[in-house]
Amino acid sequence: MDAKKRYIEGLSLLAKDDLSGAVAAFRDSVALDDQFGLGYLGLAQALDRQGVVDEAIKVVQQAIVLMPEDPLPHTSLSRLYQQKDLIEEAEEEMAESMRLQRAKES
């Protein structure tokens, strides 16, 4: 099995609101390739939708390690921090996301 294939399956399951199936697919994805940042982002989104925000935060932080120049993980982390009422941290992550986006555009 291939990490990208399981990731795509996870997205499909997430779209069908099969959160348990999506979490399993995304976990498989990162188990098959622990350097696949999008797999971690998918897993974090599914965990967030299950209400497991603390674990979703840890998973997004791993995506940031793997994708340091990508603004998307920072945006995701900002949103998760907002849910936890960690407003200062959320603002810092959004600022970093915006900085990275501007850098990509220039």
PDB file of N, CA and C in Angstrom:
ATOM      1  N   MET A   1       0.846  -1.181   0.000  1.00  0.00           N
ATOM      2  CA  MET A   1       0.000   0.000   0.000  1.00  0.00           C
ATOM      3  C   MET A   1       0.888   1.240   0.000  1.00  0.00           C
ATOM      4  N   ASP A   2       0.332   2.323  -0.464  1.00  0.00           N
ATOM      5  CA  ASP A   2       1.093   3.547  -0.666  1.00  0.00           C
ATOM      6  C   ASP A   2       0.495   4.684   0.175  1.00  0.00           C
ATOM      7  N   ALA A   3       1.372   5.511   0.740  1.00  0.00           N
ATOM      8  CA  ALA A   3       0.947   6.582   1.652  1.00  0.00           C
ATOM      9  C   ALA A   3       0.002   7.570   0.974  1.00  0.00           C
ATOM     10  N   LYS A   4       0.321   7.946  -0.261  1.00  0.00           N
ATOM     11  CA  LYS A   4      -0.522   8.921  -0.959  1.00  0.00           C
ATOM     12  C   LYS A   4      -1.907   8.332  -1.238  1.00  0.00           C
ATOM     13  N   LYS A   5      -1.950   7.049  -1.599  1.00  0.00           N
ATOM     14  CA  LYS A   5      -3.240   6.404  -1.863  1.00  0.00           C
ATOM     15  C   LYS A   5      -4.106   6.395  -0.599  1.00  0.00           C
ATOM     16  N   ARG A   6      -3.505   6.056   0.537  1.00  0.00           N
ATOM     17  CA  ARG A   6      -4.270   6.049   1.795  1.00  0.00           C
ATOM     18  C   ARG A   6      -4.714   7.463   2.168  1.00  0.00           C
ATOM     19  N   TYR A   7      -3.871   8.453   1.875  1.00  0.00           N
ATOM     20  CA  TYR A   7      -4.231   9.852   2.120  1.00  0.00           C
ATOM     21  C   TYR A   7      -5.473  10.224   1.306  1.00  0.00           C
ATOM     22  N   ILE A   8      -5.470   9.878   0.026  1.00  0.00           N
ATOM     23  CA  ILE A   8      -6.607  10.186  -0.845  1.00  0.00           C
ATOM     24  C   ILE A   8      -7.858   9.458  -0.358  1.00  0.00           C
ATOM     25  N   GLU A   9      -7.694   8.207   0.069  1.00  0.00           N
ATOM     26  CA  GLU A   9      -8.827   7.475   0.645  1.00  0.00           C
ATOM     27  C   GLU A   9      -9.339   8.186   1.901  1.00  0.00           C
ATOM     28  N   GLY A  10      -8.406   8.692   2.714  1.00  0.00           N
ATOM     29  CA  GLY A  10      -8.793   9.433   3.910  1.00  0.00           C
ATOM     30  C   GLY A  10      -9.603  10.671   3.577  1.00  0.00           C
ATOM     31  N   LEU A  11      -9.190  11.395   2.535  1.00  0.00           N
ATOM     32  CA  LEU A  11      -9.947  12.579   2.112  1.00  0.00           C
ATOM     33  C   LEU A  11     -11.355  12.198   1.672  1.00  0.00           C
ATOM     34  N   SER A  12     -11.459  11.100   0.939  1.00  0.00           N
ATOM     35  CA  SER A  12     -12.769  10.634   0.484  1.00  0.00           C
ATOM     36  C   SER A  12     -13.663  10.266   1.670  1.00  0.00           C
ATOM     37  N   LEU A  13     -13.095   9.567   2.639  1.00  0.00           N
ATOM     38  CA  LEU A  13     -13.856   9.186   3.831  1.00  0.00           C
ATOM     39  C   LEU A  13     -14.254  10.414   4.647  1.00  0.00           C
ATOM     40  N   LEU A  14     -13.355  11.384   4.723  1.00  0.00           N
ATOM     41  CA  LEU A  14     -13.648  12.620   5.441  1.00  0.00           C
ATOM     42  C   LEU A  14     -14.821  13.349   4.776  1.00  0.00           C
ATOM     43  N   ALA A  15     -14.816  13.377   3.446  1.00  0.00           N
ATOM     44  CA  ALA A  15     -15.898  14.030   2.707  1.00  0.00           C
ATOM     45  C   ALA A  15     -17.238  13.333   2.944  1.00  0.00           C
ATOM     46  N   LYS A  16     -17.195  12.037   3.216  1.00  0.00           N
ATOM     47  CA  LYS A  16     -18.419  11.268   3.491  1.00  0.00           C
ATOM     48  C   LYS A  16     -18.780  11.300   4.974  1.00  0.00           C
ATOM     49  N   ASP A  17     -18.009  12.064   5.745  1.00  0.00           N
ATOM     50  CA  ASP A  17     -18.211  12.202   7.188  1.00  0.00           C
ATOM     51  C   ASP A  17     -17.970  10.893   7.944  1.00  0.00           C
ATOM     52  N   ASP A  18     -17.158  10.006   7.354  1.00  0.00           N
ATOM     53  CA  ASP A  18     -16.737   8.775   8.030  1.00  0.00           C
ATOM     54  C   ASP A  18     -15.440   9.105   8.774  1.00  0.00           C
ATOM     55  N   LEU A  19     -15.599   9.709   9.943  1.00  0.00           N
ATOM     56  CA  LEU A  19     -14.434  10.213  10.671  1.00  0.00           C
ATOM     57  C   LEU A  19     -13.525   9.095  11.160  1.00  0.00           C
ATOM     58  N   SER A  20     -14.085   8.005  11.643  1.00  0.00           N
ATOM     59  CA  SER A  20     -13.259   6.887  12.111  1.00  0.00           C
ATOM     60  C   SER A  20     -12.463   6.291  10.962  1.00  0.00           C
ATOM     61  N   GLY A  21     -13.122   6.115   9.826  1.00  0.00           N
ATOM     62  CA  GLY A  21     -12.430   5.589   8.652  1.00  0.00           C
ATOM     63  C   GLY A  21     -11.349   6.533   8.164  1.00  0.00           C
ATOM     64  N   ALA A  22     -11.646   7.831   8.193  1.00  0.00           N
ATOM     65  CA  ALA A  22     -10.669   8.826   7.755  1.00  0.00           C
ATOM     66  C   ALA A  22      -9.452   8.830   8.670  1.00  0.00           C
ATOM     67  N   VAL A  23      -9.681   8.800   9.978  1.00  0.00           N
ATOM     68  CA  VAL A  23      -8.562   8.767  10.928  1.00  0.00           C
ATOM     69  C   VAL A  23      -7.699   7.538  10.658  1.00  0.00           C
ATOM     70  N   ALA A  24      -8.331   6.388  10.459  1.00  0.00           N
ATOM     71  CA  ALA A  24      -7.575   5.157  10.197  1.00  0.00           C
ATOM     72  C   ALA A  24      -6.759   5.280   8.913  1.00  0.00           C
ATOM     73  N   ALA A  25      -7.361   5.824   7.861  1.00  0.00           N
ATOM     74  CA  ALA A  25      -6.650   5.972   6.591  1.00  0.00           C
ATOM     75  C   ALA A  25      -5.470   6.931   6.727  1.00  0.00           C
ATOM     76  N   PHE A  26      -5.682   8.056   7.398  1.00  0.00           N
ATOM     77  CA  PHE A  26      -4.593   9.017   7.566  1.00  0.00           C
ATOM     78  C   PHE A  26      -3.493   8.454   8.471  1.00  0.00           C
ATOM     79  N   ARG A  27      -3.871   7.709   9.496  1.00  0.00           N
ATOM     80  CA  ARG A  27      -2.854   7.066  10.343  1.00  0.00           C
ATOM     81  C   ARG A  27      -2.034   6.072   9.522  1.00  0.00           C
ATOM     82  N   ASP A  28      -2.701   5.322   8.659  1.00  0.00           N
ATOM     83  CA  ASP A  28      -1.978   4.414   7.766  1.00  0.00           C
ATOM     84  C   ASP A  28      -1.023   5.193   6.876  1.00  0.00           C
ATOM     85  N   SER A  29      -1.500   6.308   6.350  1.00  0.00           N
ATOM     86  CA  SER A  29      -0.695   7.129   5.450  1.00  0.00           C
ATOM     87  C   SER A  29       0.618   7.549   6.100  1.00  0.00           C
ATOM     88  N   VAL A  30       0.539   8.055   7.328  1.00  0.00           N
ATOM     89  CA  VAL A  30       1.770   8.515   7.984  1.00  0.00           C
ATOM     90  C   VAL A  30       2.598   7.348   8.512  1.00  0.00           C
ATOM     91  N   ALA A  31       1.968   6.205   8.758  1.00  0.00           N
ATOM     92  CA  ALA A  31       2.729   5.015   9.155  1.00  0.00           C
ATOM     93  C   ALA A  31       3.538   4.497   7.965  1.00  0.00           C
ATOM     94  N   LEU A  32       2.966   4.605   6.778  1.00  0.00           N
ATOM     95  CA  LEU A  32       3.654   4.155   5.570  1.00  0.00           C
ATOM     96  C   LEU A  32       4.772   5.110   5.164  1.00  0.00           C
ATOM     97  N   ASP A  33       4.588   6.395   5.451  1.00  0.00           N
ATOM     98  CA  ASP A  33       5.603   7.403   5.120  1.00  0.00           C
ATOM     99  C   ASP A  33       5.549   8.497   6.182  1.00  0.00           C
ATOM    100  N   ASP A  34       6.432   8.386   7.163  1.00  0.00           N
ATOM    101  CA  ASP A  34       6.401   9.342   8.277  1.00  0.00           C
ATOM    102  C   ASP A  34       6.933  10.724   7.899  1.00  0.00           C
ATOM    103  N   GLN A  35       7.284  10.911   6.627  1.00  0.00           N
ATOM    104  CA  GLN A  35       7.722  12.218   6.137  1.00  0.00           C
ATOM    105  C   GLN A  35       6.654  12.882   5.259  1.00  0.00           C
ATOM    106  N   PHE A  36       5.471  12.299   5.196  1.00  0.00           N
ATOM    107  CA  PHE A  36       4.387  12.780   4.339  1.00  0.00           C
ATOM    108  C   PHE A  36       3.541  13.798   5.109  1.00  0.00           C
ATOM    109  N   GLY A  37       3.908  15.061   4.969  1.00  0.00           N
ATOM    110  CA  GLY A  37       3.262  16.131   5.724  1.00  0.00           C
ATOM    111  C   GLY A  37       1.767  16.246   5.500  1.00  0.00           C
ATOM    112  N   LEU A  38       1.318  16.043   4.266  1.00  0.00           N
ATOM    113  CA  LEU A  38      -0.118  16.142   3.998  1.00  0.00           C
ATOM    114  C   LEU A  38      -0.903  15.076   4.749  1.00  0.00           C
ATOM    115  N   GLY A  39      -0.290  13.929   4.964  1.00  0.00           N
ATOM    116  CA  GLY A  39      -0.948  12.884   5.750  1.00  0.00           C
ATOM    117  C   GLY A  39      -1.227  13.356   7.166  1.00  0.00           C
ATOM    118  N   TYR A  40      -0.259  14.065   7.744  1.00  0.00           N
ATOM    119  CA  TYR A  40      -0.450  14.607   9.094  1.00  0.00           C
ATOM    120  C   TYR A  40      -1.543  15.678   9.103  1.00  0.00           C
ATOM    121  N   LEU A  41      -1.582  16.512   8.061  1.00  0.00           N
ATOM    122  CA  LEU A  41      -2.629  17.542   8.003  1.00  0.00           C
ATOM    123  C   LEU A  41      -4.015  16.916   7.891  1.00  0.00           C
ATOM    124  N   GLY A  42      -4.132  15.877   7.076  1.00  0.00           N
ATOM    125  CA  GLY A  42      -5.409  15.183   6.964  1.00  0.00           C
ATOM    126  C   GLY A  42      -5.820  14.559   8.285  1.00  0.00           C
ATOM    127  N   LEU A  43      -4.853  13.917   8.943  1.00  0.00           N
ATOM    128  CA  LEU A  43      -5.128  13.301  10.241  1.00  0.00           C
ATOM    129  C   LEU A  43      -5.587  14.350  11.248  1.00  0.00           C
ATOM    130  N   ALA A  44      -4.917  15.486  11.259  1.00  0.00           N
ATOM    131  CA  ALA A  44      -5.297  16.552  12.191  1.00  0.00           C
ATOM    132  C   ALA A  44      -6.713  17.040  11.925  1.00  0.00           C
ATOM    133  N   GLN A  45      -7.067  17.174  10.655  1.00  0.00           N
ATOM    134  CA  GLN A  45      -8.419  17.638  10.328  1.00  0.00           C
ATOM    135  C   GLN A  45      -9.463  16.631  10.798  1.00  0.00           C
ATOM    136  N   ALA A  46      -9.203  15.355  10.573  1.00  0.00           N
ATOM    137  CA  ALA A  46     -10.153  14.322  11.000  1.00  0.00           C
ATOM    138  C   ALA A  46     -10.262  14.281  12.525  1.00  0.00           C
ATOM    139  N   LEU A  47      -9.128  14.384  13.205  1.00  0.00           N
ATOM    140  CA  LEU A  47      -9.146  14.390  14.675  1.00  0.00           C
ATOM    141  C   LEU A  47      -9.909  15.600  15.202  1.00  0.00           C
ATOM    142  N   ASP A  48      -9.681  16.747  14.580  1.00  0.00           N
ATOM    143  CA  ASP A  48     -10.400  17.959  14.979  1.00  0.00           C
ATOM    144  C   ASP A  48     -11.904  17.748  14.836  1.00  0.00           C
ATOM    145  N   ARG A  49     -12.322  17.180  13.738  1.00  0.00           N
ATOM    146  CA  ARG A  49     -13.759  16.951  13.527  1.00  0.00           C
ATOM    147  C   ARG A  49     -14.320  15.930  14.507  1.00  0.00           C
ATOM    148  N   GLN A  50     -13.455  15.065  15.045  1.00  0.00           N
ATOM    149  CA  GLN A  50     -13.887  14.136  16.096  1.00  0.00           C
ATOM    150  C   GLN A  50     -13.910  14.810  17.462  1.00  0.00           C
ATOM    151  N   GLY A  51     -13.368  16.030  17.541  1.00  0.00           N
ATOM    152  CA  GLY A  51     -13.323  16.739  18.814  1.00  0.00           C
ATOM    153  C   GLY A  51     -12.078  16.463  19.627  1.00  0.00           C
ATOM    154  N   VAL A  52     -11.077  15.860  19.011  1.00  0.00           N
ATOM    155  CA  VAL A  52      -9.830  15.513  19.701  1.00  0.00           C
ATOM    156  C   VAL A  52      -8.792  16.596  19.365  1.00  0.00           C
ATOM    157  N   VAL A  53      -9.055  17.800  19.843  1.00  0.00           N
ATOM    158  CA  VAL A  53      -8.280  18.972  19.447  1.00  0.00           C
ATOM    159  C   VAL A  53      -6.840  18.903  19.948  1.00  0.00           C
ATOM    160  N   ASP A  54      -6.616  18.446  21.175  1.00  0.00           N
ATOM    161  CA  ASP A  54      -5.247  18.389  21.692  1.00  0.00           C
ATOM    162  C   ASP A  54      -4.364  17.482  20.840  1.00  0.00           C
ATOM    163  N   GLU A  55      -4.885  16.335  20.443  1.00  0.00           N
ATOM    164  CA  GLU A  55      -4.100  15.445  19.581  1.00  0.00           C
ATOM    165  C   GLU A  55      -3.921  16.064  18.200  1.00  0.00           C
ATOM    166  N   ALA A  56      -4.961  16.725  17.697  1.00  0.00           N
ATOM    167  CA  ALA A  56      -4.865  17.388  16.394  1.00  0.00           C
ATOM    168  C   ALA A  56      -3.754  18.437  16.407  1.00  0.00           C
ATOM    169  N   ILE A  57      -3.613  19.164  17.505  1.00  0.00           N
ATOM    170  CA  ILE A  57      -2.546  20.165  17.624  1.00  0.00           C
ATOM    171  C   ILE A  57      -1.183  19.495  17.509  1.00  0.00           C
ATOM    172  N   LYS A  58      -0.987  18.392  18.217  1.00  0.00           N
ATOM    173  CA  LYS A  58       0.300  17.686  18.157  1.00  0.00           C
ATOM    174  C   LYS A  58       0.597  17.192  16.744  1.00  0.00           C
ATOM    175  N   VAL A  59      -0.428  16.720  16.069  1.00  0.00           N
ATOM    176  CA  VAL A  59      -0.248  16.203  14.714  1.00  0.00           C
ATOM    177  C   VAL A  59       0.109  17.339  13.752  1.00  0.00           C
ATOM    178  N   VAL A  60      -0.557  18.483  13.866  1.00  0.00           N
ATOM    179  CA  VAL A  60      -0.234  19.625  13.005  1.00  0.00           C
ATOM    180  C   VAL A  60       1.186  20.114  13.283  1.00  0.00           C
ATOM    181  N   GLN A  61       1.599  20.090  14.529  1.00  0.00           N
ATOM    182  CA  GLN A  61       2.972  20.494  14.843  1.00  0.00           C
ATOM    183  C   GLN A  61       3.976  19.596  14.123  1.00  0.00           C
ATOM    184  N   GLN A  62       3.663  18.317  13.979  1.00  0.00           N
ATOM    185  CA  GLN A  62       4.530  17.413  13.218  1.00  0.00           C
ATOM    186  C   GLN A  62       4.535  17.804  11.738  1.00  0.00           C
ATOM    187  N   ALA A  63       3.383  18.179  11.209  1.00  0.00           N
ATOM    188  CA  ALA A  63       3.314  18.631   9.813  1.00  0.00           C
ATOM    189  C   ALA A  63       4.185  19.864   9.606  1.00  0.00           C
ATOM    190  N   ILE A  64       4.204  20.766  10.584  1.00  0.00           N
ATOM    191  CA  ILE A  64       5.029  21.972  10.476  1.00  0.00           C
ATOM    192  C   ILE A  64       6.505  21.604  10.416  1.00  0.00           C
ATOM    193  N   VAL A  65       6.913  20.626  11.199  1.00  0.00           N
ATOM    194  CA  VAL A  65       8.308  20.169  11.158  1.00  0.00           C
ATOM    195  C   VAL A  65       8.650  19.678   9.753  1.00  0.00           C
ATOM    196  N   LEU A  66       7.726  18.966   9.133  1.00  0.00           N
ATOM    197  CA  LEU A  66       7.966  18.387   7.812  1.00  0.00           C
ATOM    198  C   LEU A  66       7.776  19.379   6.676  1.00  0.00           C
ATOM    199  N   MET A  67       6.983  20.414   6.902  1.00  0.00           N
ATOM    200  CA  MET A  67       6.636  21.382   5.858  1.00  0.00           C
ATOM    201  C   MET A  67       6.875  22.805   6.374  1.00  0.00           C
ATOM    202  N   PRO A  68       8.093  23.131   6.769  1.00  0.00           N
ATOM    203  CA  PRO A  68       8.337  24.404   7.457  1.00  0.00           C
ATOM    204  C   PRO A  68       8.058  25.655   6.623  1.00  0.00           C
ATOM    205  N   GLU A  69       8.093  25.533   5.304  1.00  0.00           N
ATOM    206  CA  GLU A  69       7.882  26.705   4.449  1.00  0.00           C
ATOM    207  C   GLU A  69       6.467  26.775   3.878  1.00  0.00           C
ATOM    208  N   ASP A  70       5.599  25.883   4.311  1.00  0.00           N
ATOM    209  CA  ASP A  70       4.224  25.850   3.809  1.00  0.00           C
ATOM    210  C   ASP A  70       3.310  26.586   4.792  1.00  0.00           C
ATOM    211  N   PRO A  71       2.519  27.547   4.318  1.00  0.00           N
ATOM    212  CA  PRO A  71       1.646  28.294   5.228  1.00  0.00           C
ATOM    213  C   PRO A  71       0.462  27.484   5.768  1.00  0.00           C
ATOM    214  N   LEU A  72       0.022  26.463   5.049  1.00  0.00           N
ATOM    215  CA  LEU A  72      -1.189  25.739   5.434  1.00  0.00           C
ATOM    216  C   LEU A  72      -1.136  25.128   6.833  1.00  0.00           C
ATOM    217  N   PRO A  73      -0.060  24.445   7.227  1.00  0.00           N
ATOM    218  CA  PRO A  73      -0.047  23.896   8.589  1.00  0.00           C
ATOM    219  C   PRO A  73      -0.158  24.975   9.667  1.00  0.00           C
ATOM    220  N   HIS A  74       0.422  26.138   9.406  1.00  0.00           N
ATOM    221  CA  HIS A  74       0.339  27.234  10.381  1.00  0.00           C
ATOM    222  C   HIS A  74      -1.095  27.763  10.484  1.00  0.00           C
ATOM    223  N   THR A  75      -1.780  27.835   9.342  1.00  0.00           N
ATOM    224  CA  THR A  75      -3.184  28.241   9.360  1.00  0.00           C
ATOM    225  C   THR A  75      -4.010  27.237  10.156  1.00  0.00           C
ATOM    226  N   SER A  76      -3.753  25.959   9.920  1.00  0.00           N
ATOM    227  CA  SER A  76      -4.479  24.905  10.641  1.00  0.00           C
ATOM    228  C   SER A  76      -4.223  24.989  12.137  1.00  0.00           C
ATOM    229  N   LEU A  77      -2.966  25.197  12.503  1.00  0.00           N
ATOM    230  CA  LEU A  77      -2.626  25.287  13.919  1.00  0.00           C
ATOM    231  C   LEU A  77      -3.274  26.516  14.551  1.00  0.00           C
ATOM    232  N   SER A  78      -3.310  27.620  13.821  1.00  0.00           N
ATOM    233  CA  SER A  78      -3.961  28.830  14.328  1.00  0.00           C
ATOM    234  C   SER A  78      -5.431  28.562  14.643  1.00  0.00           C
ATOM    235  N   ARG A  79      -6.112  27.889  13.738  1.00  0.00           N
ATOM    236  CA  ARG A  79      -7.528  27.583  13.933  1.00  0.00           C
ATOM    237  C   ARG A  79      -7.737  26.675  15.147  1.00  0.00           C
ATOM    238  N   LEU A  80      -6.856  25.697  15.307  1.00  0.00           N
ATOM    239  CA  LEU A  80      -6.965  24.798  16.464  1.00  0.00           C
ATOM    240  C   LEU A  80      -6.709  25.555  17.767  1.00  0.00           C
ATOM    241  N   TYR A  81      -5.714  26.437  17.756  1.00  0.00           N
ATOM    242  CA  TYR A  81      -5.448  27.242  18.948  1.00  0.00           C
ATOM    243  C   TYR A  81      -6.653  28.118  19.294  1.00  0.00           C
ATOM    244  N   GLN A  82      -7.317  28.661  18.281  1.00  0.00           N
ATOM    245  CA  GLN A  82      -8.511  29.472  18.543  1.00  0.00           C
ATOM    246  C   GLN A  82      -9.574  28.657  19.266  1.00  0.00           C
ATOM    247  N   GLN A  83      -9.732  27.410  18.863  1.00  0.00           N
ATOM    248  CA  GLN A  83     -10.723  26.548  19.520  1.00  0.00           C
ATOM    249  C   GLN A  83     -10.397  26.334  20.991  1.00  0.00           C
ATOM    250  N   LYS A  84      -9.114  26.377  21.322  1.00  0.00           N
ATOM    251  CA  LYS A  84      -8.676  26.181  22.709  1.00  0.00           C
ATOM    252  C   LYS A  84      -8.589  27.514  23.463  1.00  0.00           C
ATOM    253  N   ASP A  85      -9.029  28.612  22.823  1.00  0.00           N
ATOM    254  CA  ASP A  85      -8.939  29.961  23.394  1.00  0.00           C
ATOM    255  C   ASP A  85      -7.503  30.386  23.668  1.00  0.00           C
ATOM    256  N   LEU A  86      -6.581  29.875  22.886  1.00  0.00           N
ATOM    257  CA  LEU A  86      -5.172  30.277  22.964  1.00  0.00           C
ATOM    258  C   LEU A  86      -4.958  31.354  21.895  1.00  0.00           C
ATOM    259  N   ILE A  87      -5.512  32.518  22.156  1.00  0.00           N
ATOM    260  CA  ILE A  87      -5.601  33.570  21.144  1.00  0.00           C
ATOM    261  C   ILE A  87      -4.226  34.100  20.742  1.00  0.00           C
ATOM    262  N   GLU A  88      -3.356  34.326  21.699  1.00  0.00           N
ATOM    263  CA  GLU A  88      -2.023  34.839  21.365  1.00  0.00           C
ATOM    264  C   GLU A  88      -1.280  33.857  20.458  1.00  0.00           C
ATOM    265  N   GLU A  89      -1.327  32.580  20.797  1.00  0.00           N
ATOM    266  CA  GLU A  89      -0.668  31.558  19.986  1.00  0.00           C
ATOM    267  C   GLU A  89      -1.310  31.477  18.599  1.00  0.00           C
ATOM    268  N   ALA A  90      -2.635  31.602  18.559  1.00  0.00           N
ATOM    269  CA  ALA A  90      -3.352  31.568  17.277  1.00  0.00           C
ATOM    270  C   ALA A  90      -2.916  32.727  16.388  1.00  0.00           C
ATOM    271  N   GLU A  91      -2.788  33.906  16.977  1.00  0.00           N
ATOM    272  CA  GLU A  91      -2.365  35.076  16.209  1.00  0.00           C
ATOM    273  C   GLU A  91      -0.937  34.917  15.705  1.00  0.00           C
ATOM    274  N   GLU A  92      -0.059  34.337  16.522  1.00  0.00           N
ATOM    275  CA  GLU A  92       1.325  34.108  16.099  1.00  0.00           C
ATOM    276  C   GLU A  92       1.382  33.147  14.909  1.00  0.00           C
ATOM    277  N   GLU A  93       0.604  32.088  14.974  1.00  0.00           N
ATOM    278  CA  GLU A  93       0.597  31.121  13.873  1.00  0.00           C
ATOM    279  C   GLU A  93       0.003  31.726  12.604  1.00  0.00           C
ATOM    280  N   MET A  94      -1.039  32.534  12.743  1.00  0.00           N
ATOM    281  CA  MET A  94      -1.619  33.166  11.563  1.00  0.00           C
ATOM    282  C   MET A  94      -0.636  34.158  10.953  1.00  0.00           C
ATOM    283  N   ALA A  95       0.087  34.885  11.788  1.00  0.00           N
ATOM    284  CA  ALA A  95       1.098  35.814  11.279  1.00  0.00           C
ATOM    285  C   ALA A  95       2.187  35.055  10.518  1.00  0.00           C
ATOM    286  N   GLU A  96       2.595  33.911  11.048  1.00  0.00           N
ATOM    287  CA  GLU A  96       3.610  33.104  10.362  1.00  0.00           C
ATOM    288  C   GLU A  96       3.063  32.573   9.039  1.00  0.00           C
ATOM    289  N   SER A  97       1.825  32.151   9.035  1.00  0.00           N
ATOM    290  CA  SER A  97       1.203  31.678   7.803  1.00  0.00           C
ATOM    291  C   SER A  97       1.189  32.785   6.747  1.00  0.00           C
ATOM    292  N   MET A  98       0.819  33.977   7.154  1.00  0.00           N
ATOM    293  CA  MET A  98       0.766  35.104   6.222  1.00  0.00           C
ATOM    294  C   MET A  98       2.161  35.465   5.720  1.00  0.00           C
ATOM    295  N   ARG A  99       3.161  35.414   6.607  1.00  0.00           N
ATOM    296  CA  ARG A  99       4.536  35.702   6.198  1.00  0.00           C
ATOM    297  C   ARG A  99       4.998  34.696   5.147  1.00  0.00           C
ATOM    298  N   LEU A 100       4.720  33.427   5.397  1.00  0.00           N
ATOM    299  CA  LEU A 100       5.121  32.382   4.453  1.00  0.00           C
ATOM    300  C   LEU A 100       4.385  32.524   3.123  1.00  0.00           C
ATOM    301  N   GLN A 101       3.110  32.902   3.184  1.00  0.00           N
ATOM    302  CA  GLN A 101       2.345  33.087   1.948  1.00  0.00           C
ATOM    303  C   GLN A 101       2.925  34.228   1.125  1.00  0.00           C
ATOM    304  N   ARG A 102       3.256  35.330   1.781  1.00  0.00           N
ATOM    305  CA  ARG A 102       3.863  36.462   1.066  1.00  0.00           C
ATOM    306  C   ARG A 102       5.193  36.054   0.455  1.00  0.00           C
ATOM    307  N   ALA A 103       5.981  35.268   1.181  1.00  0.00           N
ATOM    308  CA  ALA A 103       7.282  34.820   0.674  1.00  0.00           C
ATOM    309  C   ALA A 103       7.108  33.941  -0.565  1.00  0.00           C
ATOM    310  N   LYS A 104       6.070  33.118  -0.586  1.00  0.00           N
ATOM    311  CA  LYS A 104       5.813  32.256  -1.748  1.00  0.00           C
ATOM    312  C   LYS A 104       5.414  33.080  -2.967  1.00  0.00           C
ATOM    313  N   GLU A 105       4.731  34.188  -2.723  1.00  0.00           N
ATOM    314  CA  GLU A 105       4.229  35.014  -3.817  1.00  0.00           C
ATOM    315  C   GLU A 105       5.293  35.926  -4.401  1.00  0.00           C
ATOM    316  N   SER A 106       6.372  36.147  -3.663  1.00  0.00           N
ATOM    317  CA  SER A 106       7.400  37.075  -4.178  1.00  0.00           C
ATOM    318  C   SER A 106       8.532  36.356  -4.864  1.00  0.00           C
TER     319      SER A 106
END
